[in-house]
């Protein structure tokens, strides 16, 4: 194949020496593969690194879980906030509430993505991985977004390492709005 070749380097090549027909179907999704390298796999609600995750004890936190479910299932106008902030002091049970809610949403097929920060996990304590992780989860959960996010990263390969403000805009908001 490389008869007489000398003093050259090939990096990342695919070589085929074919005597007859060769048909190659590339799977594509290079953008999603690029995005994947900038995500935190251990931040998802169902990641093995988080097992066993904190959960609400049965029949507790019913009011807050009901409020979260109402918020998630509301058909409010687009102008209304679809982001909710769960806050409280350390040890108040925020993670258990969020985990329980994420599992409930996953069981009902309404979970699009999740990210659980953790200060002692270097991939989960880095805000640079938040929107890249959510964008990849969105692309997996919502099939029409898959190609949009893939093309976005192909067209802008620096998006996964840009500022978190730009990541949110380019990887989450713009692809989402393009579905409308």
N, C-alpha and C. Protein backbone atom coordinates (compact mmCIF):
# COMPACT_ATOMS: atom_id res chain seq x y z
N UNK A 1 0.82 -1.20 0.00
CA UNK A 1 0.00 0.00 0.00
C UNK A 1 0.86 1.26 0.00
N UNK A 2 1.95 1.24 0.75
CA UNK A 2 2.83 2.41 0.83
C UNK A 2 4.22 2.06 0.31
N UNK A 3 4.27 1.42 -0.84
CA UNK A 3 5.55 1.00 -1.41
C UNK A 3 6.49 2.19 -1.57
N UNK A 4 7.69 2.04 -1.04
CA UNK A 4 8.71 3.07 -1.19
C UNK A 4 8.50 4.30 -0.32
N UNK A 5 7.51 4.28 0.52
CA UNK A 5 7.24 5.45 1.37
C UNK A 5 8.31 5.56 2.45
N UNK A 6 8.70 6.79 2.76
CA UNK A 6 9.68 7.00 3.82
C UNK A 6 9.56 8.42 4.37
N UNK A 7 9.94 8.57 5.62
CA UNK A 7 9.96 9.87 6.30
C UNK A 7 8.62 10.61 6.25
N UNK A 8 7.55 9.94 6.63
CA UNK A 8 6.27 10.62 6.74
C UNK A 8 5.50 10.04 7.93
N UNK A 9 4.56 10.82 8.42
CA UNK A 9 3.74 10.42 9.55
C UNK A 9 2.28 10.57 9.17
N UNK A 10 1.50 9.57 9.53
CA UNK A 10 0.05 9.62 9.32
C UNK A 10 -0.59 9.50 10.69
N UNK A 11 -1.49 10.41 10.95
CA UNK A 11 -2.16 10.42 12.24
C UNK A 11 -3.66 10.29 12.04
N UNK A 12 -4.26 9.31 12.69
CA UNK A 12 -5.71 9.15 12.64
C UNK A 12 -6.25 8.68 11.30
N UNK A 13 -5.46 7.97 10.51
CA UNK A 13 -5.93 7.55 9.20
C UNK A 13 -6.66 6.22 9.23
N UNK A 14 -7.51 6.01 8.24
CA UNK A 14 -8.14 4.72 7.99
C UNK A 14 -7.67 4.27 6.61
N UNK A 15 -7.12 3.07 6.53
CA UNK A 15 -6.56 2.61 5.27
C UNK A 15 -7.26 1.34 4.83
N UNK A 16 -7.55 1.27 3.54
CA UNK A 16 -8.15 0.08 2.96
C UNK A 16 -7.47 -0.20 1.64
N UNK A 17 -7.02 -1.43 1.48
CA UNK A 17 -6.44 -1.87 0.22
C UNK A 17 -7.45 -2.84 -0.37
N UNK A 18 -8.26 -2.35 -1.32
CA UNK A 18 -9.41 -3.10 -1.79
C UNK A 18 -9.21 -3.48 -3.25
N UNK A 19 -9.49 -4.75 -3.55
CA UNK A 19 -9.39 -5.22 -4.91
C UNK A 19 -10.72 -5.19 -5.64
N UNK A 20 -11.82 -5.07 -4.92
CA UNK A 20 -13.15 -5.03 -5.52
C UNK A 20 -13.90 -3.83 -4.96
N UNK A 21 -15.23 -3.88 -4.93
CA UNK A 21 -16.02 -2.76 -4.44
C UNK A 21 -15.87 -2.60 -2.93
N UNK A 22 -15.81 -1.37 -2.48
CA UNK A 22 -15.78 -1.05 -1.05
C UNK A 22 -16.80 0.05 -0.80
N UNK A 23 -17.73 -0.22 0.09
CA UNK A 23 -18.74 0.77 0.46
C UNK A 23 -18.58 1.04 1.95
N UNK A 24 -18.41 2.30 2.30
CA UNK A 24 -18.24 2.67 3.70
C UNK A 24 -19.39 3.59 4.09
N UNK A 25 -20.07 3.23 5.14
CA UNK A 25 -21.13 4.07 5.70
C UNK A 25 -20.62 4.61 7.03
N UNK A 26 -20.29 5.87 7.06
CA UNK A 26 -19.82 6.50 8.29
C UNK A 26 -21.01 6.80 9.18
N UNK A 27 -20.87 6.56 10.47
CA UNK A 27 -21.94 6.81 11.41
C UNK A 27 -22.18 8.28 11.69
N UNK A 28 -21.22 9.11 11.40
CA UNK A 28 -21.39 10.54 11.63
C UNK A 28 -21.38 10.88 13.10
N UNK A 29 -22.05 11.95 13.44
CA UNK A 29 -22.18 12.44 14.81
C UNK A 29 -20.83 12.78 15.43
N UNK A 30 -19.93 13.30 14.61
CA UNK A 30 -18.62 13.72 15.09
C UNK A 30 -18.77 14.82 16.14
N UNK A 31 -19.73 15.71 15.95
CA UNK A 31 -19.96 16.78 16.91
C UNK A 31 -20.35 16.24 18.27
N UNK A 32 -21.23 15.23 18.28
CA UNK A 32 -21.64 14.64 19.56
C UNK A 32 -20.48 13.92 20.23
N UNK A 33 -19.63 13.28 19.44
CA UNK A 33 -18.45 12.63 20.01
C UNK A 33 -17.50 13.66 20.61
N UNK A 34 -17.35 14.78 19.93
CA UNK A 34 -16.52 15.87 20.46
C UNK A 34 -17.12 16.39 21.76
N UNK A 35 -18.43 16.61 21.76
CA UNK A 35 -19.12 17.10 22.95
C UNK A 35 -18.96 16.11 24.10
N UNK A 36 -19.06 14.83 23.81
CA UNK A 36 -18.95 13.78 24.82
C UNK A 36 -17.64 13.87 25.60
N UNK A 37 -16.58 14.26 24.93
CA UNK A 37 -15.27 14.36 25.59
C UNK A 37 -15.22 15.49 26.62
N UNK A 38 -16.22 16.37 26.60
CA UNK A 38 -16.25 17.51 27.52
C UNK A 38 -17.40 17.42 28.52
N UNK A 39 -17.92 16.21 28.72
CA UNK A 39 -19.03 16.03 29.65
C UNK A 39 -18.57 15.33 30.92
N UNK A 40 -19.47 15.29 31.88
CA UNK A 40 -19.23 14.55 33.12
C UNK A 40 -20.19 13.38 33.16
N UNK A 41 -19.69 12.20 32.88
CA UNK A 41 -20.55 11.01 32.87
C UNK A 41 -21.03 10.65 34.27
N UNK A 42 -20.30 11.06 35.28
CA UNK A 42 -20.66 10.70 36.65
C UNK A 42 -21.66 11.67 37.28
N UNK A 43 -22.10 12.69 36.55
CA UNK A 43 -23.01 13.69 37.11
C UNK A 43 -24.48 13.36 36.91
N UNK A 44 -24.79 12.40 36.09
CA UNK A 44 -26.17 12.06 35.79
C UNK A 44 -26.85 11.41 37.00
N UNK A 45 -28.15 11.54 37.07
CA UNK A 45 -28.91 10.99 38.21
C UNK A 45 -28.70 9.48 38.36
N UNK A 46 -28.41 8.78 37.26
CA UNK A 46 -28.29 7.33 37.31
C UNK A 46 -26.86 6.83 37.14
N UNK A 47 -25.89 7.70 37.35
CA UNK A 47 -24.48 7.32 37.18
C UNK A 47 -24.04 6.37 38.29
N UNK A 48 -23.26 5.39 37.90
CA UNK A 48 -22.74 4.41 38.85
C UNK A 48 -21.91 5.08 39.95
N UNK A 49 -21.22 6.15 39.62
CA UNK A 49 -20.38 6.85 40.59
C UNK A 49 -21.20 7.43 41.74
N UNK A 50 -22.49 7.58 41.54
CA UNK A 50 -23.35 8.17 42.57
C UNK A 50 -24.12 7.12 43.36
N UNK A 51 -23.88 5.84 43.11
CA UNK A 51 -24.65 4.78 43.78
C UNK A 51 -24.09 4.48 45.15
N UNK A 52 -24.92 4.30 46.14
CA UNK A 52 -26.36 4.57 46.09
C UNK A 52 -26.61 6.08 46.26
N UNK A 53 -27.49 6.62 45.45
CA UNK A 53 -27.76 8.06 45.55
C UNK A 53 -28.66 8.37 46.74
N UNK A 54 -28.58 9.58 47.26
CA UNK A 54 -29.49 9.96 48.34
C UNK A 54 -30.90 10.10 47.80
N UNK A 55 -31.86 9.59 48.53
CA UNK A 55 -33.27 9.67 48.13
C UNK A 55 -34.11 10.14 49.31
N UNK A 56 -35.26 10.69 49.01
CA UNK A 56 -36.21 11.03 50.06
C UNK A 56 -36.79 9.73 50.62
N UNK A 57 -36.95 9.67 51.92
CA UNK A 57 -37.61 8.51 52.50
C UNK A 57 -39.06 8.50 52.04
N UNK A 58 -39.64 7.30 51.90
CA UNK A 58 -41.03 7.23 51.43
C UNK A 58 -41.95 8.10 52.30
N UNK A 59 -42.90 8.73 51.65
CA UNK A 59 -43.91 9.57 52.29
C UNK A 59 -43.33 10.80 52.98
N UNK A 60 -42.14 11.24 52.56
CA UNK A 60 -41.60 12.50 53.07
C UNK A 60 -41.42 13.45 51.90
N UNK A 61 -41.31 14.71 52.21
CA UNK A 61 -41.09 15.76 51.20
C UNK A 61 -42.18 15.80 50.14
N UNK A 62 -43.37 15.33 50.51
CA UNK A 62 -44.47 15.25 49.54
C UNK A 62 -44.84 16.60 48.95
N UNK A 63 -44.87 17.64 49.77
CA UNK A 63 -45.28 18.96 49.28
C UNK A 63 -44.29 19.51 48.27
N UNK A 64 -43.00 19.43 48.57
CA UNK A 64 -42.01 19.97 47.64
C UNK A 64 -41.95 19.13 46.37
N UNK A 65 -42.08 17.82 46.47
CA UNK A 65 -42.09 16.97 45.28
C UNK A 65 -43.32 17.23 44.43
N UNK A 66 -44.45 17.47 45.07
CA UNK A 66 -45.68 17.81 44.34
C UNK A 66 -45.51 19.16 43.63
N UNK A 67 -44.89 20.14 44.31
CA UNK A 67 -44.63 21.45 43.68
C UNK A 67 -43.71 21.30 42.47
N UNK A 68 -42.69 20.48 42.60
CA UNK A 68 -41.77 20.25 41.48
C UNK A 68 -42.49 19.57 40.31
N UNK A 69 -43.33 18.61 40.62
CA UNK A 69 -44.08 17.92 39.57
C UNK A 69 -45.03 18.88 38.86
N UNK A 70 -45.69 19.73 39.64
CA UNK A 70 -46.59 20.72 39.05
C UNK A 70 -45.81 21.67 38.13
N UNK A 71 -44.66 22.13 38.61
CA UNK A 71 -43.81 23.02 37.81
C UNK A 71 -43.39 22.34 36.51
N UNK A 72 -42.95 21.09 36.60
CA UNK A 72 -42.45 20.38 35.42
C UNK A 72 -43.55 20.10 34.40
N UNK A 73 -44.75 19.87 34.88
CA UNK A 73 -45.85 19.50 33.98
C UNK A 73 -46.71 20.68 33.56
N UNK A 74 -46.38 21.87 34.02
CA UNK A 74 -47.20 23.03 33.66
C UNK A 74 -47.03 23.34 32.18
N UNK A 75 -48.08 23.83 31.60
CA UNK A 75 -48.05 24.21 30.18
C UNK A 75 -48.07 25.73 30.08
N UNK A 76 -47.29 26.36 30.93
CA UNK A 76 -47.25 27.82 30.98
C UNK A 76 -46.70 28.38 29.68
N UNK A 77 -46.93 29.65 29.47
CA UNK A 77 -46.42 30.33 28.28
C UNK A 77 -44.90 30.23 28.23
N UNK A 78 -44.36 30.32 27.03
CA UNK A 78 -42.92 30.25 26.83
C UNK A 78 -42.19 31.31 27.64
N UNK A 79 -42.82 32.46 27.86
CA UNK A 79 -42.20 33.54 28.60
C UNK A 79 -42.00 33.23 30.07
N UNK A 80 -42.74 32.24 30.60
CA UNK A 80 -42.60 31.88 32.00
C UNK A 80 -41.34 31.03 32.20
N UNK A 81 -40.76 31.14 33.37
CA UNK A 81 -39.52 30.43 33.67
C UNK A 81 -39.73 28.93 33.68
N UNK A 82 -38.85 28.21 33.02
CA UNK A 82 -38.86 26.76 33.06
C UNK A 82 -37.61 26.25 33.77
N UNK A 83 -37.03 27.11 34.56
CA UNK A 83 -35.90 26.73 35.40
C UNK A 83 -36.34 26.98 36.83
N UNK A 84 -36.06 26.03 37.69
CA UNK A 84 -36.43 26.19 39.09
C UNK A 84 -35.16 26.04 39.93
N UNK A 85 -35.09 26.80 40.98
CA UNK A 85 -33.93 26.79 41.85
C UNK A 85 -34.33 26.15 43.17
N UNK A 86 -33.72 25.04 43.50
CA UNK A 86 -33.94 24.36 44.77
C UNK A 86 -32.80 24.77 45.69
N UNK A 87 -33.13 25.48 46.75
CA UNK A 87 -32.08 26.01 47.60
C UNK A 87 -32.37 25.70 49.07
N UNK A 88 -31.32 25.77 49.88
CA UNK A 88 -31.42 25.53 51.31
C UNK A 88 -30.03 25.32 51.87
N UNK A 89 -29.92 25.26 53.20
CA UNK A 89 -28.61 25.09 53.82
C UNK A 89 -28.05 23.68 53.56
N UNK A 90 -26.75 23.54 53.77
CA UNK A 90 -26.11 22.23 53.62
C UNK A 90 -26.80 21.22 54.52
N UNK A 91 -27.05 20.05 53.99
CA UNK A 91 -27.67 18.99 54.77
C UNK A 91 -29.18 19.05 54.85
N UNK A 92 -29.80 19.99 54.15
CA UNK A 92 -31.26 20.14 54.21
C UNK A 92 -32.00 19.10 53.37
N UNK A 93 -31.28 18.40 52.50
CA UNK A 93 -31.92 17.36 51.69
C UNK A 93 -32.16 17.75 50.24
N UNK A 94 -31.49 18.79 49.77
CA UNK A 94 -31.69 19.25 48.38
C UNK A 94 -31.33 18.15 47.38
N UNK A 95 -30.22 17.48 47.60
CA UNK A 95 -29.80 16.44 46.66
C UNK A 95 -30.77 15.27 46.68
N UNK A 96 -31.24 14.88 47.85
CA UNK A 96 -32.21 13.79 47.94
C UNK A 96 -33.51 14.15 47.22
N UNK A 97 -33.95 15.39 47.37
CA UNK A 97 -35.17 15.84 46.69
C UNK A 97 -34.94 15.83 45.18
N UNK A 98 -33.82 16.38 44.73
CA UNK A 98 -33.53 16.43 43.30
C UNK A 98 -33.38 15.02 42.72
N UNK A 99 -32.74 14.12 43.44
CA UNK A 99 -32.56 12.74 42.98
C UNK A 99 -33.91 12.04 42.87
N UNK A 100 -34.74 12.18 43.89
CA UNK A 100 -36.06 11.56 43.88
C UNK A 100 -36.89 12.10 42.72
N UNK A 101 -36.83 13.40 42.52
CA UNK A 101 -37.58 14.03 41.43
C UNK A 101 -37.04 13.58 40.07
N UNK A 102 -35.72 13.50 39.92
CA UNK A 102 -35.12 13.05 38.65
C UNK A 102 -35.55 11.62 38.34
N UNK A 103 -35.57 10.76 39.34
CA UNK A 103 -35.99 9.38 39.12
C UNK A 103 -37.46 9.31 38.74
N UNK A 104 -38.29 10.13 39.37
CA UNK A 104 -39.72 10.18 39.03
C UNK A 104 -39.89 10.62 37.59
N UNK A 105 -39.17 11.65 37.19
CA UNK A 105 -39.25 12.14 35.80
C UNK A 105 -38.75 11.08 34.82
N UNK A 106 -37.66 10.41 35.16
CA UNK A 106 -37.12 9.37 34.27
C UNK A 106 -38.14 8.24 34.10
N UNK A 107 -38.80 7.85 35.19
CA UNK A 107 -39.80 6.79 35.11
C UNK A 107 -40.99 7.18 34.26
N UNK A 108 -41.32 8.47 34.25
CA UNK A 108 -42.47 8.93 33.45
C UNK A 108 -42.05 9.34 32.03
N UNK A 109 -40.76 9.27 31.73
CA UNK A 109 -40.27 9.61 30.40
C UNK A 109 -40.16 11.10 30.14
N UNK A 110 -40.12 11.91 31.19
CA UNK A 110 -40.05 13.36 31.01
C UNK A 110 -38.69 13.97 31.37
N UNK A 111 -37.75 13.16 31.82
CA UNK A 111 -36.42 13.69 32.17
C UNK A 111 -35.61 13.90 30.90
N UNK A 112 -35.12 15.10 30.72
CA UNK A 112 -34.29 15.42 29.56
C UNK A 112 -32.82 15.37 29.95
N UNK A 113 -32.49 15.77 31.16
CA UNK A 113 -31.11 15.75 31.59
C UNK A 113 -30.99 16.06 33.07
N UNK A 114 -29.85 15.74 33.63
CA UNK A 114 -29.60 16.03 35.04
C UNK A 114 -28.10 16.21 35.24
N UNK A 115 -27.77 16.99 36.24
CA UNK A 115 -26.37 17.20 36.60
C UNK A 115 -26.31 17.40 38.10
N UNK A 116 -25.62 16.51 38.80
CA UNK A 116 -25.45 16.62 40.25
C UNK A 116 -24.00 16.99 40.55
N UNK A 117 -23.81 18.21 41.01
CA UNK A 117 -22.47 18.66 41.38
C UNK A 117 -22.02 17.93 42.65
N UNK A 118 -20.71 17.77 42.78
CA UNK A 118 -20.13 17.19 43.98
C UNK A 118 -18.71 17.71 44.11
N UNK A 119 -18.42 18.36 45.22
CA UNK A 119 -17.15 19.08 45.34
C UNK A 119 -15.92 18.18 45.27
N UNK A 120 -16.00 16.92 45.67
CA UNK A 120 -14.80 16.07 45.68
C UNK A 120 -14.62 15.26 44.40
N UNK A 121 -15.48 15.44 43.42
CA UNK A 121 -15.35 14.75 42.13
C UNK A 121 -14.95 15.79 41.09
N UNK A 122 -13.75 15.67 40.55
CA UNK A 122 -13.22 16.71 39.66
C UNK A 122 -14.06 16.91 38.39
N UNK A 123 -14.79 15.90 37.96
CA UNK A 123 -15.63 16.11 36.77
C UNK A 123 -17.00 16.68 37.15
N UNK A 124 -17.37 16.56 38.43
CA UNK A 124 -18.67 17.07 38.87
C UNK A 124 -18.57 18.38 39.64
N UNK A 125 -17.38 18.88 39.86
CA UNK A 125 -17.26 20.17 40.55
C UNK A 125 -16.80 21.26 39.58
N UNK A 126 -16.88 20.98 38.30
CA UNK A 126 -16.43 21.90 37.27
C UNK A 126 -17.62 22.43 36.48
N UNK A 127 -17.96 23.70 36.66
CA UNK A 127 -19.12 24.24 35.93
C UNK A 127 -18.95 24.21 34.42
N UNK A 128 -17.71 24.10 33.92
CA UNK A 128 -17.47 24.01 32.48
C UNK A 128 -18.13 22.76 31.88
N UNK A 129 -18.44 21.78 32.70
CA UNK A 129 -19.04 20.54 32.21
C UNK A 129 -20.56 20.51 32.33
N UNK A 130 -21.14 21.50 32.96
CA UNK A 130 -22.59 21.51 33.17
C UNK A 130 -23.36 21.52 31.85
N UNK A 131 -23.19 22.56 31.05
CA UNK A 131 -24.00 22.70 29.84
C UNK A 131 -23.60 21.71 28.75
N UNK A 132 -22.35 21.29 28.72
CA UNK A 132 -21.96 20.28 27.75
C UNK A 132 -22.65 18.95 28.07
N UNK A 133 -22.71 18.63 29.36
CA UNK A 133 -23.37 17.39 29.78
C UNK A 133 -24.86 17.45 29.49
N UNK A 134 -25.51 18.55 29.86
CA UNK A 134 -26.95 18.69 29.62
C UNK A 134 -27.24 18.69 28.12
N UNK A 135 -26.41 19.36 27.32
CA UNK A 135 -26.62 19.39 25.87
C UNK A 135 -26.56 17.99 25.28
N UNK A 136 -25.61 17.19 25.71
CA UNK A 136 -25.51 15.82 25.20
C UNK A 136 -26.71 15.00 25.64
N UNK A 137 -27.13 15.15 26.90
CA UNK A 137 -28.30 14.43 27.38
C UNK A 137 -29.55 14.84 26.61
N UNK A 138 -29.68 16.14 26.32
CA UNK A 138 -30.82 16.62 25.53
C UNK A 138 -30.81 16.00 24.14
N UNK A 139 -29.64 15.95 23.52
CA UNK A 139 -29.52 15.40 22.17
C UNK A 139 -29.88 13.92 22.14
N UNK A 140 -29.61 13.23 23.23
CA UNK A 140 -29.96 11.81 23.31
C UNK A 140 -31.45 11.65 23.59
N UNK A 141 -31.99 12.47 24.48
CA UNK A 141 -33.40 12.34 24.88
C UNK A 141 -34.38 12.83 23.83
N UNK A 142 -34.00 13.85 23.06
CA UNK A 142 -34.91 14.45 22.08
C UNK A 142 -34.30 14.26 20.70
N UNK A 143 -34.75 13.25 20.01
CA UNK A 143 -34.13 12.85 18.74
C UNK A 143 -33.96 14.01 17.74
N UNK A 144 -34.95 14.90 17.54
CA UNK A 144 -34.75 16.00 16.60
C UNK A 144 -33.60 16.94 16.98
N UNK A 145 -33.23 16.96 18.25
CA UNK A 145 -32.10 17.81 18.68
C UNK A 145 -30.75 17.19 18.35
N UNK A 146 -30.73 15.89 18.15
CA UNK A 146 -29.46 15.18 17.96
C UNK A 146 -28.65 15.77 16.80
N UNK A 147 -29.27 15.89 15.66
CA UNK A 147 -28.58 16.43 14.49
C UNK A 147 -28.23 17.90 14.65
N UNK A 148 -29.13 18.64 15.32
CA UNK A 148 -28.89 20.08 15.52
C UNK A 148 -27.67 20.31 16.40
N UNK A 149 -27.60 19.59 17.52
CA UNK A 149 -26.46 19.75 18.44
C UNK A 149 -25.18 19.23 17.77
N UNK A 150 -25.29 18.13 17.05
CA UNK A 150 -24.14 17.59 16.33
C UNK A 150 -23.57 18.62 15.36
N UNK A 151 -24.43 19.20 14.54
CA UNK A 151 -23.99 20.22 13.57
C UNK A 151 -23.45 21.47 14.26
N UNK A 152 -24.07 21.84 15.38
CA UNK A 152 -23.60 23.01 16.13
C UNK A 152 -22.15 22.85 16.54
N UNK A 153 -21.81 21.67 17.06
CA UNK A 153 -20.44 21.44 17.52
C UNK A 153 -19.48 21.27 16.33
N UNK A 154 -19.96 20.68 15.25
CA UNK A 154 -19.11 20.58 14.05
C UNK A 154 -18.79 21.97 13.53
N UNK A 155 -19.82 22.83 13.48
CA UNK A 155 -19.63 24.20 12.98
C UNK A 155 -18.83 25.08 13.95
N UNK A 156 -18.90 24.76 15.24
CA UNK A 156 -18.23 25.56 16.26
C UNK A 156 -17.53 24.62 17.24
N UNK A 157 -16.40 24.02 16.84
CA UNK A 157 -15.75 23.02 17.69
C UNK A 157 -15.21 23.56 19.01
N UNK A 158 -15.15 24.89 19.14
CA UNK A 158 -14.68 25.47 20.39
C UNK A 158 -15.83 25.71 21.38
N UNK A 159 -17.05 25.46 20.96
CA UNK A 159 -18.21 25.68 21.84
C UNK A 159 -18.09 24.92 23.16
N UNK A 160 -17.67 23.64 23.16
CA UNK A 160 -17.59 22.92 24.43
C UNK A 160 -16.57 23.47 25.42
N UNK A 161 -15.63 24.28 24.95
CA UNK A 161 -14.62 24.84 25.86
C UNK A 161 -14.75 26.35 26.00
N UNK A 162 -15.83 26.89 25.48
CA UNK A 162 -16.06 28.34 25.60
C UNK A 162 -16.62 28.66 26.98
N UNK A 163 -16.90 29.92 27.23
CA UNK A 163 -17.45 30.34 28.53
C UNK A 163 -18.77 29.62 28.78
N UNK A 164 -19.13 29.46 30.04
CA UNK A 164 -20.39 28.76 30.33
C UNK A 164 -21.59 29.53 29.79
N UNK A 165 -21.48 30.85 29.74
CA UNK A 165 -22.57 31.64 29.15
C UNK A 165 -22.74 31.29 27.67
N UNK A 166 -21.63 31.20 26.96
CA UNK A 166 -21.69 30.86 25.53
C UNK A 166 -22.14 29.41 25.34
N UNK A 167 -21.66 28.51 26.19
CA UNK A 167 -22.10 27.11 26.10
C UNK A 167 -23.61 27.02 26.24
N UNK A 168 -24.16 27.72 27.22
CA UNK A 168 -25.61 27.69 27.45
C UNK A 168 -26.34 28.19 26.20
N UNK A 169 -25.88 29.29 25.67
CA UNK A 169 -26.53 29.89 24.49
C UNK A 169 -26.42 28.99 23.26
N UNK A 170 -25.20 28.55 22.96
CA UNK A 170 -24.93 27.83 21.71
C UNK A 170 -25.36 26.36 21.77
N UNK A 171 -25.17 25.71 22.92
CA UNK A 171 -25.44 24.27 23.02
C UNK A 171 -26.83 23.93 23.54
N UNK A 172 -27.47 24.86 24.25
CA UNK A 172 -28.78 24.57 24.85
C UNK A 172 -29.87 25.44 24.23
N UNK A 173 -29.76 26.75 24.40
CA UNK A 173 -30.86 27.66 24.03
C UNK A 173 -31.09 27.67 22.52
N UNK A 174 -30.06 27.93 21.74
CA UNK A 174 -30.26 28.02 20.28
C UNK A 174 -30.76 26.71 19.67
N UNK A 175 -30.19 25.55 20.03
CA UNK A 175 -30.76 24.31 19.49
C UNK A 175 -32.22 24.10 19.91
N UNK A 176 -32.53 24.41 21.16
CA UNK A 176 -33.90 24.25 21.65
C UNK A 176 -34.86 25.14 20.87
N UNK A 177 -34.49 26.41 20.70
CA UNK A 177 -35.35 27.34 19.98
C UNK A 177 -35.50 26.98 18.51
N UNK A 178 -34.52 26.31 17.94
CA UNK A 178 -34.61 25.93 16.53
C UNK A 178 -35.64 24.83 16.30
N UNK A 179 -36.08 24.18 17.37
CA UNK A 179 -37.14 23.16 17.25
C UNK A 179 -38.51 23.77 17.04
N UNK A 180 -38.69 24.99 17.48
CA UNK A 180 -40.01 25.64 17.45
C UNK A 180 -40.41 26.01 16.05
